[in-house]
Amino acid sequence: MGLQNFDAWASTFGETTTALELAPEETGFRAKTRFSKFFNLPELMKTFKDIADIKTADMLNLP
């Protein structure tokens, strides 16, 4: 899939937005970039299921 690094993954599955927020020191504002939405979710879920070891409570015989 060409996802050798995080930037490739982020550009394939996520959209970011940059907004101003109050700095923790309360000395002013700073620009912060965060994921705002995800897309290509069927491909993302398939990739996750291919690499993750998913176990449910039934599989583990949990009460």
PDB file of N, CA and C in Angstrom:
ATOM      1  N   MET A   1       0.815  -1.207   0.000  1.00  0.00           N
ATOM      2  CA  MET A   1       0.000   0.000   0.000  1.00  0.00           C
ATOM      3  C   MET A   1       0.854   1.265   0.000  1.00  0.00           C
ATOM      4  N   GLY A   2       2.151   1.123   0.130  1.00  0.00           N
ATOM      5  CA  GLY A   2       3.014   2.298   0.139  1.00  0.00           C
ATOM      6  C   GLY A   2       2.949   3.080   1.440  1.00  0.00           C
ATOM      7  N   LEU A   3       2.726   2.388   2.548  1.00  0.00           N
ATOM      8  CA  LEU A   3       2.598   3.064   3.849  1.00  0.00           C
ATOM      9  C   LEU A   3       3.813   2.766   4.721  1.00  0.00           C
ATOM     10  N   GLN A   4       4.991   3.156   4.252  1.00  0.00           N
ATOM     11  CA  GLN A   4       6.214   2.878   5.000  1.00  0.00           C
ATOM     12  C   GLN A   4       6.404   3.806   6.189  1.00  0.00           C
ATOM     13  N   ASN A   5       5.726   4.950   6.223  1.00  0.00           N
ATOM     14  CA  ASN A   5       5.891   5.864   7.348  1.00  0.00           C
ATOM     15  C   ASN A   5       4.553   6.485   7.728  1.00  0.00           C
ATOM     16  N   PHE A   6       4.527   7.164   8.858  1.00  0.00           N
ATOM     17  CA  PHE A   6       3.286   7.722   9.370  1.00  0.00           C
ATOM     18  C   PHE A   6       2.700   8.781   8.443  1.00  0.00           C
ATOM     19  N   ASP A   7       3.524   9.588   7.832  1.00  0.00           N
ATOM     20  CA  ASP A   7       3.013  10.630   6.938  1.00  0.00           C
ATOM     21  C   ASP A   7       2.246  10.034   5.769  1.00  0.00           C
ATOM     22  N   ALA A   8       2.722   8.918   5.232  1.00  0.00           N
ATOM     23  CA  ALA A   8       2.011   8.248   4.141  1.00  0.00           C
ATOM     24  C   ALA A   8       0.673   7.716   4.637  1.00  0.00           C
ATOM     25  N   TRP A   9       0.655   7.118   5.829  1.00  0.00           N
ATOM     26  CA  TRP A   9      -0.589   6.608   6.412  1.00  0.00           C
ATOM     27  C   TRP A   9      -1.570   7.754   6.650  1.00  0.00           C
ATOM     28  N   ALA A  10      -1.077   8.843   7.222  1.00  0.00           N
ATOM     29  CA  ALA A  10      -1.932   9.981   7.540  1.00  0.00           C
ATOM     30  C   ALA A  10      -2.546  10.599   6.291  1.00  0.00           C
ATOM     31  N   SER A  11      -1.790  10.710   5.220  1.00  0.00           N
ATOM     32  CA  SER A  11      -2.338  11.310   4.007  1.00  0.00           C
ATOM     33  C   SER A  11      -3.295  10.364   3.290  1.00  0.00           C
ATOM     34  N   THR A  12      -3.173   9.065   3.529  1.00  0.00           N
ATOM     35  CA  THR A  12      -4.063   8.089   2.906  1.00  0.00           C
ATOM     36  C   THR A  12      -5.385   7.974   3.643  1.00  0.00           C
ATOM     37  N   PHE A  13      -5.373   8.082   4.974  1.00  0.00           N
ATOM     38  CA  PHE A  13      -6.571   7.805   5.758  1.00  0.00           C
ATOM     39  C   PHE A  13      -7.109   8.980   6.566  1.00  0.00           C
ATOM     40  N   GLY A  14      -6.416  10.098   6.638  1.00  0.00           N
ATOM     41  CA  GLY A  14      -6.886  11.169   7.499  1.00  0.00           C
ATOM     42  C   GLY A  14      -6.795  12.541   6.883  1.00  0.00           C
ATOM     43  N   GLU A  15      -7.611  13.428   7.430  1.00  0.00           N
ATOM     44  CA  GLU A  15      -7.586  14.842   7.040  1.00  0.00           C
ATOM     45  C   GLU A  15      -7.294  15.649   8.290  1.00  0.00           C
ATOM     46  N   THR A  16      -6.349  16.577   8.174  1.00  0.00           N
ATOM     47  CA  THR A  16      -5.984  17.385   9.335  1.00  0.00           C
ATOM     48  C   THR A  16      -6.463  18.821   9.168  1.00  0.00           C
ATOM     49  N   THR A  17      -6.666  19.460  10.310  1.00  0.00           N
ATOM     50  CA  THR A  17      -6.974  20.889  10.330  1.00  0.00           C
ATOM     51  C   THR A  17      -6.068  21.539  11.359  1.00  0.00           C
ATOM     52  N   THR A  18      -5.737  22.771  11.114  1.00  0.00           N
ATOM     53  CA  THR A  18      -4.906  23.537  12.027  1.00  0.00           C
ATOM     54  C   THR A  18      -5.741  24.651  12.627  1.00  0.00           C
ATOM     55  N   ALA A  19      -5.672  24.775  13.957  1.00  0.00           N
ATOM     56  CA  ALA A  19      -6.440  25.808  14.659  1.00  0.00           C
ATOM     57  C   ALA A  19      -5.584  26.389  15.779  1.00  0.00           C
ATOM     58  N   LEU A  20      -5.928  27.575  16.183  1.00  0.00           N
ATOM     59  CA  LEU A  20      -5.234  28.210  17.305  1.00  0.00           C
ATOM     60  C   LEU A  20      -5.808  27.715  18.617  1.00  0.00           C
ATOM     61  N   GLU A  21      -4.934  27.544  19.585  1.00  0.00           N
ATOM     62  CA  GLU A  21      -5.373  27.165  20.923  1.00  0.00           C
ATOM     63  C   GLU A  21      -4.511  27.890  21.938  1.00  0.00           C
ATOM     64  N   LEU A  22      -5.022  28.005  23.144  1.00  0.00           N
ATOM     65  CA  LEU A  22      -4.296  28.663  24.213  1.00  0.00           C
ATOM     66  C   LEU A  22      -3.113  27.789  24.626  1.00  0.00           C
ATOM     67  N   ALA A  23      -1.947  28.377  24.737  1.00  0.00           N
ATOM     68  CA  ALA A  23      -0.753  27.644  25.152  1.00  0.00           C
ATOM     69  C   ALA A  23      -0.896  27.219  26.612  1.00  0.00           C
ATOM     70  N   PRO A  24      -0.337  26.087  26.997  1.00  0.00           N
ATOM     71  CA  PRO A  24      -0.457  25.622  28.388  1.00  0.00           C
ATOM     72  C   PRO A  24       0.105  26.623  29.404  1.00  0.00           C
ATOM     73  N   GLU A  25       1.082  27.412  29.002  1.00  0.00           N
ATOM     74  CA  GLU A  25       1.658  28.395  29.919  1.00  0.00           C
ATOM     75  C   GLU A  25       0.790  29.635  30.044  1.00  0.00           C
ATOM     76  N   GLU A  26      -0.285  29.681  29.263  1.00  0.00           N
ATOM     77  CA  GLU A  26      -1.211  30.829  29.212  1.00  0.00           C
ATOM     78  C   GLU A  26      -0.492  32.118  28.841  1.00  0.00           C
ATOM     79  N   THR A  27       0.524  31.992  27.985  1.00  0.00           N
ATOM     80  CA  THR A  27       1.277  33.166  27.557  1.00  0.00           C
ATOM     81  C   THR A  27       0.888  33.617  26.152  1.00  0.00           C
ATOM     82  N   GLY A  28      -0.067  32.939  25.566  1.00  0.00           N
ATOM     83  CA  GLY A  28      -0.491  33.295  24.212  1.00  0.00           C
ATOM     84  C   GLY A  28      -1.125  32.110  23.514  1.00  0.00           C
ATOM     85  N   PHE A  29      -1.167  32.204  22.219  1.00  0.00           N
ATOM     86  CA  PHE A  29      -1.780  31.148  21.418  1.00  0.00           C
ATOM     87  C   PHE A  29      -0.722  30.448  20.582  1.00  0.00           C
ATOM     88  N   ARG A  30      -1.071  29.232  20.150  1.00  0.00           N
ATOM     89  CA  ARG A  30      -0.202  28.484  19.252  1.00  0.00           C
ATOM     90  C   ARG A  30      -1.071  27.723  18.260  1.00  0.00           C
ATOM     91  N   ALA A  31      -0.503  27.457  17.108  1.00  0.00           N
ATOM     92  CA  ALA A  31      -1.211  26.687  16.089  1.00  0.00           C
ATOM     93  C   ALA A  31      -1.014  25.200  16.385  1.00  0.00           C
ATOM     94  N   LYS A  32      -2.112  24.444  16.353  1.00  0.00           N
ATOM     95  CA  LYS A  32      -2.067  23.008  16.620  1.00  0.00           C
ATOM     96  C   LYS A  32      -2.780  22.281  15.492  1.00  0.00           C
ATOM     97  N   THR A  33      -2.135  21.278  14.921  1.00  0.00           N
ATOM     98  CA  THR A  33      -2.715  20.485  13.844  1.00  0.00           C
ATOM     99  C   THR A  33      -3.190  19.153  14.412  1.00  0.00           C
ATOM    100  N   ARG A  34      -4.445  18.813  14.117  1.00  0.00           N
ATOM    101  CA  ARG A  34      -5.036  17.565  14.598  1.00  0.00           C
ATOM    102  C   ARG A  34      -5.820  16.911  13.474  1.00  0.00           C
ATOM    103  N   PHE A  35      -6.055  15.589  13.615  1.00  0.00           N
ATOM    104  CA  PHE A  35      -6.931  14.911  12.677  1.00  0.00           C
ATOM    105  C   PHE A  35      -8.354  15.419  12.882  1.00  0.00           C
ATOM    106  N   SER A  36      -9.035  15.756  11.799  1.00  0.00           N
ATOM    107  CA  SER A  36     -10.415  16.210  11.902  1.00  0.00           C
ATOM    108  C   SER A  36     -11.402  15.174  11.399  1.00  0.00           C
ATOM    109  N   LYS A  37     -10.979  14.344  10.452  1.00  0.00           N
ATOM    110  CA  LYS A  37     -11.836  13.251  10.006  1.00  0.00           C
ATOM    111  C   LYS A  37     -10.993  12.210   9.305  1.00  0.00           C
ATOM    112  N   PHE A  38     -11.564  11.019   9.193  1.00  0.00           N
ATOM    113  CA  PHE A  38     -10.910   9.918   8.518  1.00  0.00           C
ATOM    114  C   PHE A  38     -11.717   9.531   7.292  1.00  0.00           C
ATOM    115  N   PHE A  39     -11.032   9.038   6.275  1.00  0.00           N
ATOM    116  CA  PHE A  39     -11.694   8.560   5.076  1.00  0.00           C
ATOM    117  C   PHE A  39     -11.015   7.270   4.645  1.00  0.00           C
ATOM    118  N   ASN A  40     -11.535   6.627   3.608  1.00  0.00           N
ATOM    119  CA  ASN A  40     -11.071   5.296   3.179  1.00  0.00           C
ATOM    120  C   ASN A  40     -11.182   4.297   4.329  1.00  0.00           C
ATOM    121  N   LEU A  41     -12.274   4.393   5.097  1.00  0.00           N
ATOM    122  CA  LEU A  41     -12.430   3.551   6.287  1.00  0.00           C
ATOM    123  C   LEU A  41     -12.497   2.058   5.980  1.00  0.00           C
ATOM    124  N   PRO A  42     -13.153   1.598   4.898  1.00  0.00           N
ATOM    125  CA  PRO A  42     -13.123   0.148   4.642  1.00  0.00           C
ATOM    126  C   PRO A  42     -11.689  -0.376   4.453  1.00  0.00           C
ATOM    127  N   GLU A  43     -10.860   0.376   3.746  1.00  0.00           N
ATOM    128  CA  GLU A  43      -9.475  -0.036   3.554  1.00  0.00           C
ATOM    129  C   GLU A  43      -8.686   0.022   4.860  1.00  0.00           C
ATOM    130  N   LEU A  44      -8.970   1.041   5.675  1.00  0.00           N
ATOM    131  CA  LEU A  44      -8.307   1.172   6.975  1.00  0.00           C
ATOM    132  C   LEU A  44      -8.670  -0.005   7.876  1.00  0.00           C
ATOM    133  N   MET A  45      -9.949  -0.371   7.930  1.00  0.00           N
ATOM    134  CA  MET A  45     -10.378  -1.487   8.771  1.00  0.00           C
ATOM    135  C   MET A  45      -9.791  -2.814   8.278  1.00  0.00           C
ATOM    136  N   LYS A  46      -9.722  -3.010   6.963  1.00  0.00           N
ATOM    137  CA  LYS A  46      -9.142  -4.241   6.422  1.00  0.00           C
ATOM    138  C   LYS A  46      -7.669  -4.332   6.789  1.00  0.00           C
ATOM    139  N   THR A  47      -6.959  -3.240   6.661  1.00  0.00           N
ATOM    140  CA  THR A  47      -5.543  -3.218   7.017  1.00  0.00           C
ATOM    141  C   THR A  47      -5.355  -3.522   8.500  1.00  0.00           C
ATOM    142  N   PHE A  48      -6.195  -2.920   9.341  1.00  0.00           N
ATOM    143  CA  PHE A  48      -6.113  -3.160  10.781  1.00  0.00           C
ATOM    144  C   PHE A  48      -6.367  -4.629  11.101  1.00  0.00           C
ATOM    145  N   LYS A  49      -7.395  -5.211  10.478  1.00  0.00           N
ATOM    146  CA  LYS A  49      -7.716  -6.614  10.738  1.00  0.00           C
ATOM    147  C   LYS A  49      -6.619  -7.546  10.250  1.00  0.00           C
ATOM    148  N   ASP A  50      -5.899  -7.152   9.203  1.00  0.00           N
ATOM    149  CA  ASP A  50      -4.800  -7.970   8.695  1.00  0.00           C
ATOM    150  C   ASP A  50      -3.616  -8.006   9.654  1.00  0.00           C
ATOM    151  N   ILE A  51      -3.385  -6.932  10.391  1.00  0.00           N
ATOM    152  CA  ILE A  51      -2.194  -6.867  11.244  1.00  0.00           C
ATOM    153  C   ILE A  51      -2.490  -7.029  12.733  1.00  0.00           C
ATOM    154  N   ALA A  52      -3.754  -6.852  13.147  1.00  0.00           N
ATOM    155  CA  ALA A  52      -4.094  -6.920  14.568  1.00  0.00           C
ATOM    156  C   ALA A  52      -4.504  -8.338  14.960  1.00  0.00           C
ATOM    157  N   ASP A  53      -4.233  -8.695  16.183  1.00  0.00           N
ATOM    158  CA  ASP A  53      -4.660  -9.975  16.735  1.00  0.00           C
ATOM    159  C   ASP A  53      -5.882  -9.691  17.601  1.00  0.00           C
ATOM    160  N   ILE A  54      -7.062  -9.784  16.999  1.00  0.00           N
ATOM    161  CA  ILE A  54      -8.307  -9.405  17.675  1.00  0.00           C
ATOM    162  C   ILE A  54      -8.888 -10.620  18.370  1.00  0.00           C
ATOM    163  N   LYS A  55      -9.169 -10.476  19.656  1.00  0.00           N
ATOM    164  CA  LYS A  55      -9.791 -11.532  20.450  1.00  0.00           C
ATOM    165  C   LYS A  55     -11.005 -10.947  21.162  1.00  0.00           C
ATOM    166  N   THR A  56     -12.126 -11.640  21.106  1.00  0.00           N
ATOM    167  CA  THR A  56     -13.333 -11.202  21.804  1.00  0.00           C
ATOM    168  C   THR A  56     -13.415 -11.918  23.149  1.00  0.00           C
ATOM    169  N   ALA A  57     -14.332 -11.472  24.001  1.00  0.00           N
ATOM    170  CA  ALA A  57     -14.511 -12.099  25.308  1.00  0.00           C
ATOM    171  C   ALA A  57     -14.896 -13.571  25.159  1.00  0.00           C
ATOM    172  N   ASP A  58     -15.704 -13.902  24.146  1.00  0.00           N
ATOM    173  CA  ASP A  58     -16.098 -15.288  23.928  1.00  0.00           C
ATOM    174  C   ASP A  58     -14.898 -16.161  23.589  1.00  0.00           C
ATOM    175  N   MET A  59     -13.980 -15.631  22.796  1.00  0.00           N
ATOM    176  CA  MET A  59     -12.797 -16.407  22.427  1.00  0.00           C
ATOM    177  C   MET A  59     -11.885 -16.673  23.625  1.00  0.00           C
ATOM    178  N   LEU A  60     -11.905 -15.761  24.591  1.00  0.00           N
ATOM    179  CA  LEU A  60     -11.035 -15.875  25.750  1.00  0.00           C
ATOM    180  C   LEU A  60     -11.724 -16.541  26.941  1.00  0.00           C
ATOM    181  N   ASN A  61     -12.991 -16.941  26.754  1.00  0.00           N
ATOM    182  CA  ASN A  61     -13.778 -17.573  27.828  1.00  0.00           C
ATOM    183  C   ASN A  61     -13.838 -16.705  29.075  1.00  0.00           C
ATOM    184  N   LEU A  62     -14.075 -15.411  28.886  1.00  0.00           N
ATOM    185  CA  LEU A  62     -14.188 -14.488  30.008  1.00  0.00           C
ATOM    186  C   LEU A  62     -15.616 -14.505  30.554  1.00  0.00           C
ATOM    187  N   PRO A  63     -15.775 -14.255  31.841  1.00  0.00           N
ATOM    188  CA  PRO A  63     -17.149 -14.208  32.390  1.00  0.00           C
ATOM    189  C   PRO A  63     -17.903 -12.988  31.914  1.00  0.00           C
TER     190      PRO A  63
END
